[in-house]
Amino acid sequence: MKKILVHVRNEDYEGVKAALGGLYYVTDHVGDIYEIIVFTPDEEVNDLIEKIRGAIDLRYHENMIEVTSPEFVVSTYLQRAEKKAEEKEENTPVEKLLRSAKPYAELDLTKVALTSIAGLVALSGLFLNNSVIIIGAMLLSPIIGPVYSFAINIALGRLEDALRSVGVLLALLGAVLLLSAIATFIINFFIPLPITDEIVARIITNPIYIVMALLLGFAAVLAFTRETPETIAGVAIAAALLPPVVVTGIVIVLQPISAISSGVLVLDQIIGLMAGGLLAVLVLRIGPRDSREQIAAEKYVVRSAVIFALLLGLLVAISLLLGPNGELL
């Protein structure tokens, strides 16, 4: 249940009344401003806000819409409204999506530390040829967040935040790559390190990895927007992306000729995940409310889709041409 408080000028009051037609609401008139309080089920809040926005001019500072979640409401009328709305598919409000995506567009020490630790644990699993350790390390990695943040911000026309999310993702992966190379160099100086089957499996490129990344990117955004536990999707994404980055750091030191092939695999995963996230916001029809913002957002989405399509086509071609050691077939 949501509580919507609308502050509106006298000139726009009649329009809001028409938008709220058929709903029960409370009105208070203070000076030149009307305060309107209306309660609505979560499933209907998006549609109702759209109607109210269409009735008022938000360029005036007096006009304002405030949405809150009351802890407790007793009303048989609202209970009936909730039962009617239960049959409708619930969409997460745009404002809530923005709030949930915002932390992932910011780089902080905690994210770097968790990703670095996950990378080192994965490094151990790769050299021990132990897939359980590799997958277990992914529980620590916050890689899923920037992928989700990029997709949401592009869909809402926030290019700067979207690019910042990409920067966070690249910074986290860059830290893992550097740390893996340094750790491999130091350990190999004292103990000869083998190229295990788990490492070899992440050197060979294949277009199927791109398809997998597309599906995982789609699943990540779907999990976040539907407010379902994103842990499983997050682990799957980290397991798909982080070990190849670690392997790239390893082969740079132990087998440089394979660095190209493993690097292409990393790019397959990064571009595939981001393209899958973009596909999800298109399917879910996530976008800004304002018509002017919608035009800008559509422009960014179309441009991003074209860029990803070109990059994915190029990566598929490269994957087909590369041999297991990075040489052209």
Foldseek 3Di string as FASTA:
>chain_A
DKKKKWKAFPVLVVQLCVLCPPFDWDWDDDPRIIIIIGDADQQCPQVSVLSNPVRGDVVDVRTDMDMDDDPDDDDPVRVVRNVVSVVPDRWFDLVVLQVQLVVLLDDDPQQLVLLQQLLVQLLVCQLVVHVVSNLVSLLSHPLLRLLLSLQSCLQALNVVSNVSSVVNNVVSLVSSLVSLLVVLVVVCVPPPTDRDPSLLVLLQFALVLLVVLLVLLLVSNVCVRSVHDNSVSSSVLCSQASSLSSSLSNCVRVPVLSNQSSVLSNVSNVLSNNLSNNVNCVVVVDYDSDPVSNVSSVVSSVVSNVVSVVVSVVSNVCSVQADSRGDGD
